[in-house]
Amino acid sequence: MRRERRRPNAIITTANMARDLDSVRQALGEKKGNFLGYSYGSALGAAYASMFPDSTDRIVLDSNIGDTHLDRGGLRRYAEGMEQTFPDFARWAAARDDEYHLGRTPDEVRQTYFTLADKLDRTPVNGLDGRAFRAGTFVTLYNPASYEAAARSWRSLNDSPFANLPAEKSVSAFDNTWSVFLAVTCNDVEWSRDPQVYKEAIAEDREKFPLFGAAAANIMPCAYWQIAHSEPPVAIQTDGPTNVLVAQHRRDPVTPLSNGERINEKFGDRSRLLTVEGSGHGVYALGSNTCAQDVITDYLVRGTMPKTDIEC
């Protein structure tokens, strides 16, 4: 059941990182390795469990990409996740309208979002434009603990005269992160080189997911990536121990529930899906659902895997 260990190239790919993980395991003299991975880490864990099933012990994949790699479909599901998760913030803000004045109902809060984004598109405030505002709201949905700070910021923007202030120029602090993201994503799987494919996706997502818009559907450097792909993405391996616990919030802005359901189905009897009533990106230790914390801890510490898919 073990995949070929040979490293076909030296480029950054999920498969090569999985090989690195197994090299670490061997160097430590361990017969088997445990793994807890969040977000992209879920893809790496899924690849590791598929490439080296006999060398894995307890695997927890939290807030799942939905496969062993991020492709166009996975990226576009960011928009789906934001649509599903934003209502949690909108309800929270509406219940506190006396303090923040963002809307008395979730629908009014949603409209406030569009109004502020439109104003900032036309007139940035202290360097904050509509694009940055949308991105900041998206990140806010990662954790309900961010709601209060976001609501204060929105209230400040609502009270702002929207003076036409020049945007501040700065070097992105995320340049390195973005570069690594592109390297792994573009090296893992080939993307369409046809501009029409992206044009159609942009129109579709702009209409279907107005909160996030078409950003995730737009063309990326992967479409004109110059490094040749030396091996296909890692295929999910269904032959192996039942040792993959998939944890997923019902509402996650980056990795919606459908991603967890997708990877759980691909693993077949090797995995169990833990569906958690809650909102945010990251279930274990990052979320507040006590039932989910207990289930995952019990598995990692005692090796107790749920007999069937479970809900908390």
C-alpha atoms as a PDB file:
ATOM      1  CA  MET A   1       0.000   0.000   0.000  1.00  0.00           C
ATOM      2  CA  ARG A   2       3.017   2.293   0.289  1.00  0.00           C
ATOM      3  CA  ARG A   3       3.643   4.731  -2.551  1.00  0.00           C
ATOM      4  CA  GLU A   4       7.032   5.039  -4.184  1.00  0.00           C
ATOM      5  CA  ARG A   5       9.300   6.945  -1.808  1.00  0.00           C
ATOM      6  CA  ARG A   6      11.530   8.299  -4.555  1.00  0.00           C
ATOM      7  CA  ARG A   7      11.477  12.095  -4.787  1.00  0.00           C
ATOM      8  CA  PRO A   8      10.985  12.849  -8.510  1.00  0.00           C
ATOM      9  CA  ASN A   9      12.091  16.484  -8.195  1.00  0.00           C
ATOM     10  CA  ALA A  10      13.157  19.138  -5.728  1.00  0.00           C
ATOM     11  CA  ILE A  11      10.250  21.549  -6.202  1.00  0.00           C
ATOM     12  CA  ILE A  12       7.816  22.426  -3.426  1.00  0.00           C
ATOM     13  CA  THR A  13       4.788  20.159  -3.608  1.00  0.00           C
ATOM     14  CA  THR A  14       2.456  18.576  -1.098  1.00  0.00           C
ATOM     15  CA  ALA A  15       3.741  15.132  -2.092  1.00  0.00           C
ATOM     16  CA  ASN A  16       7.336  16.172  -1.411  1.00  0.00           C
ATOM     17  CA  MET A  17       6.382  17.648   1.952  1.00  0.00           C
ATOM     18  CA  ALA A  18       4.660  14.366   2.830  1.00  0.00           C
ATOM     19  CA  ARG A  19       7.899  12.579   1.944  1.00  0.00           C
ATOM     20  CA  ASP A  20       9.730  14.998   4.237  1.00  0.00           C
ATOM     21  CA  LEU A  21       7.335  14.132   7.060  1.00  0.00           C
ATOM     22  CA  ASP A  22       8.039  10.455   6.662  1.00  0.00           C
ATOM     23  CA  SER A  23      11.783  11.150   6.615  1.00  0.00           C
ATOM     24  CA  VAL A  24      11.400  12.932   9.949  1.00  0.00           C
ATOM     25  CA  ARG A  25       9.503   9.943  11.328  1.00  0.00           C
ATOM     26  CA  GLN A  26      12.279   7.600  10.252  1.00  0.00           C
ATOM     27  CA  ALA A  27      14.983   9.883  11.635  1.00  0.00           C
ATOM     28  CA  LEU A  28      13.223   9.856  15.016  1.00  0.00           C
ATOM     29  CA  GLY A  29      13.126   6.058  14.964  1.00  0.00           C
ATOM     30  CA  GLU A  30       9.343   5.988  15.218  1.00  0.00           C
ATOM     31  CA  LYS A  31       7.426   3.145  13.601  1.00  0.00           C
ATOM     32  CA  LYS A  32       4.355   5.322  13.094  1.00  0.00           C
ATOM     33  CA  GLY A  33       3.556   9.021  13.138  1.00  0.00           C
ATOM     34  CA  ASN A  34       0.570  11.039  14.356  1.00  0.00           C
ATOM     35  CA  PHE A  35      -0.668  14.140  12.554  1.00  0.00           C
ATOM     36  CA  LEU A  36      -2.905  17.120  13.347  1.00  0.00           C
ATOM     37  CA  GLY A  37      -3.364  19.537  10.471  1.00  0.00           C
ATOM     38  CA  TYR A  38      -5.506  22.634   9.945  1.00  0.00           C
ATOM     39  CA  SER A  39      -6.623  24.148   6.642  1.00  0.00           C
ATOM     40  CA  TYR A  40      -3.823  23.434   4.107  1.00  0.00           C
ATOM     41  CA  GLY A  41      -2.465  21.104   6.786  1.00  0.00           C
ATOM     42  CA  SER A  42      -5.496  18.919   6.131  1.00  0.00           C
ATOM     43  CA  ALA A  43      -4.323  18.452   2.539  1.00  0.00           C
ATOM     44  CA  LEU A  44      -0.817  17.573   3.708  1.00  0.00           C
ATOM     45  CA  GLY A  45      -2.230  15.122   6.258  1.00  0.00           C
ATOM     46  CA  ALA A  46      -4.486  13.528   3.651  1.00  0.00           C
ATOM     47  CA  ALA A  47      -1.500  13.131   1.323  1.00  0.00           C
ATOM     48  CA  TYR A  48       0.666  11.661   4.080  1.00  0.00           C
ATOM     49  CA  ALA A  49      -2.049   9.183   5.122  1.00  0.00           C
ATOM     50  CA  SER A  50      -2.444   8.162   1.475  1.00  0.00           C
ATOM     51  CA  MET A  51       1.226   7.849   0.581  1.00  0.00           C
ATOM     52  CA  PHE A  52       2.309   6.122   3.799  1.00  0.00           C
ATOM     53  CA  PRO A  53      -0.785   4.433   5.263  1.00  0.00           C
ATOM     54  CA  ASP A  54       1.231   1.805   7.149  1.00  0.00           C
ATOM     55  CA  SER A  55       3.335   4.497   8.822  1.00  0.00           C
ATOM     56  CA  THR A  56       0.423   6.512  10.215  1.00  0.00           C
ATOM     57  CA  ASP A  57      -1.202   6.170  13.605  1.00  0.00           C
ATOM     58  CA  ARG A  58      -3.712   8.906  14.547  1.00  0.00           C
ATOM     59  CA  ILE A  59      -4.596  11.479  11.894  1.00  0.00           C
ATOM     60  CA  VAL A  60      -6.823  14.526  12.519  1.00  0.00           C
ATOM     61  CA  LEU A  61      -7.724  16.712   9.537  1.00  0.00           C
ATOM     62  CA  ASP A  62      -9.280  19.960  10.771  1.00  0.00           C
ATOM     63  CA  SER A  63     -11.040  22.558   8.559  1.00  0.00           C
ATOM     64  CA  ASN A  64     -10.484  20.710   5.332  1.00  0.00           C
ATOM     65  CA  ILE A  65      -9.483  21.844   1.872  1.00  0.00           C
ATOM     66  CA  GLY A  66     -11.312  18.772   0.569  1.00  0.00           C
ATOM     67  CA  ASP A  67      -8.452  16.932  -1.131  1.00  0.00           C
ATOM     68  CA  THR A  68      -4.678  16.525  -1.066  1.00  0.00           C
ATOM     69  CA  HIS A  69      -4.239  19.786  -2.961  1.00  0.00           C
ATOM     70  CA  LEU A  70      -5.972  23.112  -3.594  1.00  0.00           C
ATOM     71  CA  ASP A  71      -7.387  23.426  -7.084  1.00  0.00           C
ATOM     72  CA  ARG A  72      -9.651  26.041  -8.707  1.00  0.00           C
ATOM     73  CA  GLY A  73     -12.747  24.450  -7.226  1.00  0.00           C
ATOM     74  CA  GLY A  74     -11.316  24.521  -3.725  1.00  0.00           C
ATOM     75  CA  LEU A  75     -10.276  28.145  -4.055  1.00  0.00           C
ATOM     76  CA  ARG A  76     -13.689  29.212  -5.353  1.00  0.00           C
ATOM     77  CA  ARG A  77     -15.342  27.572  -2.350  1.00  0.00           C
ATOM     78  CA  TYR A  78     -13.958  30.460  -0.272  1.00  0.00           C
ATOM     79  CA  ALA A  79     -16.899  32.438  -1.658  1.00  0.00           C
ATOM     80  CA  GLU A  80     -19.328  29.707  -0.634  1.00  0.00           C
ATOM     81  CA  GLY A  81     -17.857  29.664   2.862  1.00  0.00           C
ATOM     82  CA  MET A  82     -18.186  33.418   3.329  1.00  0.00           C
ATOM     83  CA  GLU A  83     -21.846  33.372   2.284  1.00  0.00           C
ATOM     84  CA  GLN A  84     -22.544  30.604   4.782  1.00  0.00           C
ATOM     85  CA  THR A  85     -20.600  32.173   7.669  1.00  0.00           C
ATOM     86  CA  PHE A  86     -21.372  35.891   7.355  1.00  0.00           C
ATOM     87  CA  PRO A  87     -24.930  35.495   8.763  1.00  0.00           C
ATOM     88  CA  ASP A  88     -23.398  34.530  12.135  1.00  0.00           C
ATOM     89  CA  PHE A  89     -21.652  37.899  12.312  1.00  0.00           C
ATOM     90  CA  ALA A  90     -24.730  39.695  10.973  1.00  0.00           C
ATOM     91  CA  ARG A  91     -26.942  38.196  13.695  1.00  0.00           C
ATOM     92  CA  TRP A  92     -24.340  39.084  16.342  1.00  0.00           C
ATOM     93  CA  ALA A  93     -24.121  42.694  15.160  1.00  0.00           C
ATOM     94  CA  ALA A  94     -27.888  43.100  14.759  1.00  0.00           C
ATOM     95  CA  ALA A  95     -28.398  41.983  18.363  1.00  0.00           C
ATOM     96  CA  ARG A  96     -26.058  44.835  19.391  1.00  0.00           C
ATOM     97  CA  ASP A  97     -27.397  47.571  17.135  1.00  0.00           C
ATOM     98  CA  ASP A  98     -27.817  49.942  20.088  1.00  0.00           C
ATOM     99  CA  GLU A  99     -24.030  49.910  20.478  1.00  0.00           C
ATOM    100  CA  TYR A 100     -22.678  49.621  16.933  1.00  0.00           C
ATOM    101  CA  HIS A 101     -25.538  50.943  14.748  1.00  0.00           C
ATOM    102  CA  LEU A 102     -24.810  48.556  11.887  1.00  0.00           C
ATOM    103  CA  GLY A 103     -28.384  47.411  11.387  1.00  0.00           C
ATOM    104  CA  ARG A 104     -31.299  46.192  13.429  1.00  0.00           C
ATOM    105  CA  THR A 105     -31.616  42.969  11.433  1.00  0.00           C
ATOM    106  CA  PRO A 106     -29.094  40.640   9.774  1.00  0.00           C
ATOM    107  CA  ASP A 107     -30.293  41.855   6.378  1.00  0.00           C
ATOM    108  CA  GLU A 108     -29.584  45.452   7.370  1.00  0.00           C
ATOM    109  CA  VAL A 109     -26.088  44.498   8.570  1.00  0.00           C
ATOM    110  CA  ARG A 110     -25.479  42.761   5.248  1.00  0.00           C
ATOM    111  CA  GLN A 111     -26.526  45.933   3.421  1.00  0.00           C
ATOM    112  CA  THR A 112     -24.186  47.981   5.614  1.00  0.00           C
ATOM    113  CA  TYR A 113     -21.343  45.754   4.409  1.00  0.00           C
ATOM    114  CA  PHE A 114     -22.133  46.463   0.766  1.00  0.00           C
ATOM    115  CA  THR A 115     -22.589  50.190   1.437  1.00  0.00           C
ATOM    116  CA  LEU A 116     -19.239  50.534   3.201  1.00  0.00           C
ATOM    117  CA  ALA A 117     -17.419  48.473   0.565  1.00  0.00           C
ATOM    118  CA  ASP A 118     -18.869  50.622  -2.215  1.00  0.00           C
ATOM    119  CA  LYS A 119     -17.918  53.871  -0.469  1.00  0.00           C
ATOM    120  CA  LEU A 120     -14.380  52.631   0.159  1.00  0.00           C
ATOM    121  CA  ASP A 121     -14.064  51.560  -3.473  1.00  0.00           C
ATOM    122  CA  ARG A 122     -14.674  55.170  -4.456  1.00  0.00           C
ATOM    123  CA  THR A 123     -13.005  56.921  -1.534  1.00  0.00           C
ATOM    124  CA  PRO A 124     -10.393  55.109   0.569  1.00  0.00           C
ATOM    125  CA  VAL A 125     -10.093  56.154   4.207  1.00  0.00           C
ATOM    126  CA  ASN A 126      -6.608  56.278   5.698  1.00  0.00           C
ATOM    127  CA  GLY A 127      -5.389  53.844   3.059  1.00  0.00           C
ATOM    128  CA  LEU A 128      -8.302  51.429   3.513  1.00  0.00           C
ATOM    129  CA  ASP A 129     -10.032  50.693   0.206  1.00  0.00           C
ATOM    130  CA  GLY A 130     -12.962  48.442  -0.634  1.00  0.00           C
ATOM    131  CA  ARG A 131     -10.760  45.484  -1.474  1.00  0.00           C
ATOM    132  CA  ALA A 132      -8.989  45.634   1.882  1.00  0.00           C
ATOM    133  CA  PHE A 133     -12.317  46.060   3.675  1.00  0.00           C
ATOM    134  CA  ARG A 134     -13.754  42.951   2.016  1.00  0.00           C
ATOM    135  CA  ALA A 135     -10.619  40.948   2.817  1.00  0.00           C
ATOM    136  CA  GLY A 136     -10.681  42.144   6.419  1.00  0.00           C
ATOM    137  CA  THR A 137     -14.308  41.118   6.820  1.00  0.00           C
ATOM    138  CA  PHE A 138     -13.513  37.703   5.373  1.00  0.00           C
ATOM    139  CA  VAL A 139     -10.732  37.227   7.932  1.00  0.00           C
ATOM    140  CA  THR A 140     -13.057  38.423  10.720  1.00  0.00           C
ATOM    141  CA  LEU A 141     -15.242  35.386  10.053  1.00  0.00           C
ATOM    142  CA  TYR A 142     -12.363  33.053  10.914  1.00  0.00           C
ATOM    143  CA  ASN A 143     -13.196  33.425  14.607  1.00  0.00           C
ATOM    144  CA  PRO A 144     -16.242  34.870  16.412  1.00  0.00           C
ATOM    145  CA  ALA A 145     -13.804  36.407  18.890  1.00  0.00           C
ATOM    146  CA  SER A 146     -13.015  38.938  16.121  1.00  0.00           C
ATOM    147  CA  TYR A 147     -16.592  40.189  15.828  1.00  0.00           C
ATOM    148  CA  GLU A 148     -16.298  42.943  18.433  1.00  0.00           C
ATOM    149  CA  ALA A 149     -13.206  44.531  16.896  1.00  0.00           C
ATOM    150  CA  ALA A 150     -14.765  44.357  13.440  1.00  0.00           C
ATOM    151  CA  ALA A 151     -17.995  45.957  14.640  1.00  0.00           C
ATOM    152  CA  ARG A 152     -16.059  48.831  16.222  1.00  0.00           C
ATOM    153  CA  SER A 153     -14.182  49.351  12.959  1.00  0.00           C
ATOM    154  CA  TRP A 154     -17.405  49.335  10.932  1.00  0.00           C
ATOM    155  CA  ARG A 155     -18.977  51.845  13.327  1.00  0.00           C
ATOM    156  CA  SER A 156     -15.958  54.112  12.909  1.00  0.00           C
ATOM    157  CA  LEU A 157     -16.235  53.887   9.130  1.00  0.00           C
ATOM    158  CA  ASN A 158     -19.957  54.604   9.322  1.00  0.00           C
ATOM    159  CA  ASP A 159     -19.186  57.764  11.271  1.00  0.00           C
ATOM    160  CA  SER A 160     -16.345  58.787   8.951  1.00  0.00           C
ATOM    161  CA  PRO A 161     -16.852  61.689   6.533  1.00  0.00           C
ATOM    162  CA  PHE A 162     -15.026  59.590   3.915  1.00  0.00           C
ATOM    163  CA  ALA A 163     -12.546  62.328   3.154  1.00  0.00           C
ATOM    164  CA  ASN A 164     -10.510  61.526   0.080  1.00  0.00           C
ATOM    165  CA  LEU A 165      -7.262  60.637   1.818  1.00  0.00           C
ATOM    166  CA  PRO A 166      -4.318  59.221  -0.163  1.00  0.00           C
ATOM    167  CA  ALA A 167      -3.726  55.506   0.157  1.00  0.00           C
ATOM    168  CA  GLU A 168      -0.642  54.588   2.087  1.00  0.00           C
ATOM    169  CA  LYS A 169       2.054  52.722   0.200  1.00  0.00           C
ATOM    170  CA  SER A 170       3.555  49.770   1.965  1.00  0.00           C
ATOM    171  CA  VAL A 171       5.309  46.509   1.223  1.00  0.00           C
ATOM    172  CA  SER A 172       2.957  43.628   1.869  1.00  0.00           C
ATOM    173  CA  ALA A 173       3.768  41.684   5.000  1.00  0.00           C
ATOM    174  CA  PHE A 174       2.321  38.653   3.280  1.00  0.00           C
ATOM    175  CA  ASP A 175       4.693  38.504   0.315  1.00  0.00           C
ATOM    176  CA  ASN A 176       6.524  35.425   1.593  1.00  0.00           C
ATOM    177  CA  THR A 177       3.317  33.657   2.602  1.00  0.00           C
ATOM    178  CA  TRP A 178       1.737  34.409  -0.762  1.00  0.00           C
ATOM    179  CA  SER A 179       4.821  33.213  -2.629  1.00  0.00           C
ATOM    180  CA  VAL A 180       4.853  29.876  -0.802  1.00  0.00           C
ATOM    181  CA  PHE A 181       1.100  29.510  -1.302  1.00  0.00           C
ATOM    182  CA  LEU A 182       1.508  29.999  -5.037  1.00  0.00           C
ATOM    183  CA  ALA A 183       4.480  27.664  -5.268  1.00  0.00           C
ATOM    184  CA  VAL A 184       2.668  24.772  -3.579  1.00  0.00           C
ATOM    185  CA  THR A 185      -0.703  25.392  -5.247  1.00  0.00           C
ATOM    186  CA  CYS A 186       0.669  25.831  -8.755  1.00  0.00           C
ATOM    187  CA  ASN A 187       3.161  22.969  -8.482  1.00  0.00           C
ATOM    188  CA  ASP A 188       0.560  20.525  -7.158  1.00  0.00           C
ATOM    189  CA  VAL A 189      -1.935  20.630 -10.007  1.00  0.00           C
ATOM    190  CA  GLU A 190      -2.276  22.137 -13.471  1.00  0.00           C
ATOM    191  CA  TRP A 191      -4.698  25.029 -13.932  1.00  0.00           C
ATOM    192  CA  SER A 192      -6.499  25.997 -17.099  1.00  0.00           C
ATOM    193  CA  ARG A 193      -4.589  28.347 -19.407  1.00  0.00           C
ATOM    194  CA  ASP A 194      -7.754  29.517 -21.183  1.00  0.00           C
ATOM    195  CA  PRO A 195      -8.719  33.094 -20.130  1.00  0.00           C
ATOM    196  CA  GLN A 196     -12.333  32.413 -21.111  1.00  0.00           C
ATOM    197  CA  VAL A 197     -12.611  29.822 -18.334  1.00  0.00           C
ATOM    198  CA  TYR A 198     -11.810  32.475 -15.756  1.00  0.00           C
ATOM    199  CA  LYS A 199     -13.986  35.101 -17.415  1.00  0.00           C
ATOM    200  CA  GLU A 200     -17.011  32.821 -17.143  1.00  0.00           C
ATOM    201  CA  ALA A 201     -16.185  31.894 -13.532  1.00  0.00           C
ATOM    202  CA  ILE A 202     -15.877  35.567 -12.592  1.00  0.00           C
ATOM    203  CA  ALA A 203     -19.340  36.352 -13.943  1.00  0.00           C
ATOM    204  CA  GLU A 204     -20.822  33.323 -12.185  1.00  0.00           C
ATOM    205  CA  ASP A 205     -19.281  33.967  -8.771  1.00  0.00           C
ATOM    206  CA  ARG A 206     -19.967  37.700  -8.839  1.00  0.00           C
ATOM    207  CA  GLU A 207     -23.656  36.896  -9.209  1.00  0.00           C
ATOM    208  CA  LYS A 208     -23.820  33.870  -6.922  1.00  0.00           C
ATOM    209  CA  PHE A 209     -21.572  35.025  -4.068  1.00  0.00           C
ATOM    210  CA  PRO A 210     -21.799  38.834  -3.803  1.00  0.00           C
ATOM    211  CA  LEU A 211     -20.160  38.992  -0.369  1.00  0.00           C
ATOM    212  CA  PHE A 212     -16.829  37.551  -1.495  1.00  0.00           C
ATOM    213  CA  GLY A 213     -17.317  38.408  -5.115  1.00  0.00           C
ATOM    214  CA  ALA A 214     -15.246  37.027  -7.958  1.00  0.00           C
ATOM    215  CA  ALA A 215     -11.802  37.279  -6.366  1.00  0.00           C
ATOM    216  CA  ALA A 216     -11.308  33.524  -5.985  1.00  0.00           C
ATOM    217  CA  ALA A 217     -12.549  32.903  -9.515  1.00  0.00           C
ATOM    218  CA  ASN A 218     -10.088  35.268 -11.147  1.00  0.00           C
ATOM    219  CA  ILE A 219      -7.008  34.176 -13.064  1.00  0.00           C
ATOM    220  CA  MET A 220      -3.916  33.364 -10.988  1.00  0.00           C
ATOM    221  CA  PRO A 221      -0.227  32.845 -11.757  1.00  0.00           C
ATOM    222  CA  CYS A 222      -1.000  29.102 -11.835  1.00  0.00           C
ATOM    223  CA  ALA A 223      -2.579  29.701 -15.257  1.00  0.00           C
ATOM    224  CA  TYR A 224       0.812  30.642 -16.714  1.00  0.00           C
ATOM    225  CA  TRP A 225       3.093  28.698 -14.372  1.00  0.00           C
ATOM    226  CA  GLN A 226       6.430  27.887 -16.000  1.00  0.00           C
ATOM    227  CA  ILE A 227       7.498  24.873 -13.931  1.00  0.00           C
ATOM    228  CA  ALA A 228       6.521  21.546 -15.472  1.00  0.00           C
ATOM    229  CA  HIS A 229       4.482  19.131 -13.365  1.00  0.00           C
ATOM    230  CA  SER A 230       6.506  15.989 -12.771  1.00  0.00           C
ATOM    231  CA  GLU A 231       3.816  13.958 -10.998  1.00  0.00           C
ATOM    232  CA  PRO A 232       0.043  14.138 -10.556  1.00  0.00           C
ATOM    233  CA  PRO A 233      -1.560  15.231  -7.269  1.00  0.00           C
ATOM    234  CA  VAL A 234      -1.594  12.579  -4.559  1.00  0.00           C
ATOM    235  CA  ALA A 235      -4.639  10.322  -4.914  1.00  0.00           C
ATOM    236  CA  ILE A 236      -6.614   9.512  -1.774  1.00  0.00           C
ATOM    237  CA  GLN A 237      -5.767   5.963  -0.659  1.00  0.00           C
ATOM    238  CA  THR A 238      -8.783   4.050   0.648  1.00  0.00           C
ATOM    239  CA  ASP A 239      -6.766   0.971   1.580  1.00  0.00           C
ATOM    240  CA  GLY A 240      -5.388   1.399   5.050  1.00  0.00           C
ATOM    241  CA  PRO A 241      -6.343   1.682   8.717  1.00  0.00           C
ATOM    242  CA  THR A 242      -9.431   3.520   9.913  1.00  0.00           C
ATOM    243  CA  ASN A 243      -7.423   6.298  11.522  1.00  0.00           C
ATOM    244  CA  VAL A 244      -8.470   9.567   9.850  1.00  0.00           C
ATOM    245  CA  LEU A 245     -10.740  11.848  11.897  1.00  0.00           C
ATOM    246  CA  VAL A 246     -12.160  14.699   9.816  1.00  0.00           C
ATOM    247  CA  ALA A 247     -13.287  17.717  11.895  1.00  0.00           C
ATOM    248  CA  GLN A 248     -15.372  20.483  10.344  1.00  0.00           C
ATOM    249  CA  HIS A 249     -17.470  23.421  11.521  1.00  0.00           C
ATOM    250  CA  ARG A 250     -20.847  23.734   9.848  1.00  0.00           C
ATOM    251  CA  ARG A 251     -19.957  27.314   8.934  1.00  0.00           C
ATOM    252  CA  ASP A 252     -16.370  28.073   7.925  1.00  0.00           C
ATOM    253  CA  PRO A 253     -15.463  31.024   5.673  1.00  0.00           C
ATOM    254  CA  VAL A 254     -12.434  29.361   4.075  1.00  0.00           C
ATOM    255  CA  THR A 255     -13.237  25.660   4.082  1.00  0.00           C
ATOM    256  CA  PRO A 256     -17.012  25.092   4.079  1.00  0.00           C
ATOM    257  CA  LEU A 257     -18.638  21.938   5.413  1.00  0.00           C
ATOM    258  CA  SER A 258     -18.860  20.492   1.908  1.00  0.00           C
ATOM    259  CA  ASN A 259     -15.056  20.179   1.930  1.00  0.00           C
ATOM    260  CA  GLY A 260     -15.108  17.970   5.027  1.00  0.00           C
ATOM    261  CA  GLU A 261     -17.875  15.864   3.565  1.00  0.00           C
ATOM    262  CA  ARG A 262     -15.897  15.541   0.328  1.00  0.00           C
ATOM    263  CA  ILE A 263     -12.658  14.286   1.914  1.00  0.00           C
ATOM    264  CA  ASN A 264     -14.556  11.979   4.275  1.00  0.00           C
ATOM    265  CA  GLU A 265     -16.314  10.381   1.321  1.00  0.00           C
ATOM    266  CA  LYS A 266     -13.038   9.960  -0.563  1.00  0.00           C
ATOM    267  CA  PHE A 267     -11.384   8.127   2.343  1.00  0.00           C
ATOM    268  CA  GLY A 268     -14.335   5.752   2.663  1.00  0.00           C
ATOM    269  CA  ASP A 269     -14.107   3.493   5.713  1.00  0.00           C
ATOM    270  CA  ARG A 270     -10.702   4.913   6.630  1.00  0.00           C
ATOM    271  CA  SER A 271     -12.252   8.087   8.065  1.00  0.00           C
ATOM    272  CA  ARG A 272     -14.990   9.426  10.308  1.00  0.00           C
ATOM    273  CA  LEU A 273     -16.539  12.898   9.968  1.00  0.00           C
ATOM    274  CA  LEU A 274     -17.000  15.069  13.055  1.00  0.00           C
ATOM    275  CA  THR A 275     -19.504  17.798  12.151  1.00  0.00           C
ATOM    276  CA  VAL A 276     -19.464  20.657  14.639  1.00  0.00           C
ATOM    277  CA  GLU A 277     -22.256  23.151  15.224  1.00  0.00           C
ATOM    278  CA  GLY A 278     -20.310  26.360  15.208  1.00  0.00           C
ATOM    279  CA  SER A 279     -18.636  29.039  13.152  1.00  0.00           C
ATOM    280  CA  GLY A 280     -15.027  29.771  12.273  1.00  0.00           C
ATOM    281  CA  HIS A 281     -11.869  28.301  10.808  1.00  0.00           C
ATOM    282  CA  GLY A 282     -10.365  25.677  13.091  1.00  0.00           C
ATOM    283  CA  VAL A 283     -12.222  23.294  15.389  1.00  0.00           C
ATOM    284  CA  TYR A 284      -9.704  21.746  17.784  1.00  0.00           C
ATOM    285  CA  ALA A 285      -8.367  24.089  20.478  1.00  0.00           C
ATOM    286  CA  LEU A 286      -9.488  27.054  18.357  1.00  0.00           C
ATOM    287  CA  GLY A 287     -13.234  26.527  18.649  1.00  0.00           C
ATOM    288  CA  SER A 288     -15.548  26.638  21.653  1.00  0.00           C
ATOM    289  CA  ASN A 289     -17.549  23.437  21.196  1.00  0.00           C
ATOM    290  CA  THR A 290     -16.752  21.304  24.258  1.00  0.00           C
ATOM    291  CA  CYS A 291     -18.149  18.125  22.710  1.00  0.00           C
ATOM    292  CA  ALA A 292     -15.812  18.466  19.718  1.00  0.00           C
ATOM    293  CA  GLN A 293     -12.785  19.159  21.930  1.00  0.00           C
ATOM    294  CA  ASP A 294     -13.534  16.011  23.931  1.00  0.00           C
ATOM    295  CA  VAL A 295     -13.976  13.800  20.849  1.00  0.00           C
ATOM    296  CA  ILE A 296     -10.704  14.918  19.260  1.00  0.00           C
ATOM    297  CA  THR A 297      -8.733  14.801  22.503  1.00  0.00           C
ATOM    298  CA  ASP A 298     -10.035  11.336  23.260  1.00  0.00           C
ATOM    299  CA  TYR A 299      -8.861  10.178  19.852  1.00  0.00           C
ATOM    300  CA  LEU A 300      -5.419  11.798  20.016  1.00  0.00           C
ATOM    301  CA  VAL A 301      -4.712  10.728  23.587  1.00  0.00           C
ATOM    302  CA  ARG A 302      -6.428   7.350  23.819  1.00  0.00           C
ATOM    303  CA  GLY A 303      -6.880   6.398  20.189  1.00  0.00           C
ATOM    304  CA  THR A 304     -10.661   6.166  20.524  1.00  0.00           C
ATOM    305  CA  MET A 305     -12.044   6.671  17.024  1.00  0.00           C
ATOM    306  CA  PRO A 306     -15.836   7.236  16.735  1.00  0.00           C
ATOM    307  CA  LYS A 307     -17.518   4.141  15.335  1.00  0.00           C
ATOM    308  CA  THR A 308     -19.575   6.244  12.934  1.00  0.00           C
ATOM    309  CA  ASP A 309     -19.718   9.831  11.712  1.00  0.00           C
ATOM    310  CA  ILE A 310     -20.631  12.054  14.642  1.00  0.00           C
ATOM    311  CA  GLU A 311     -22.185  15.481  15.270  1.00  0.00           C
ATOM    312  CA  CYS A 312     -21.416  17.881  18.115  1.00  0.00           C
END
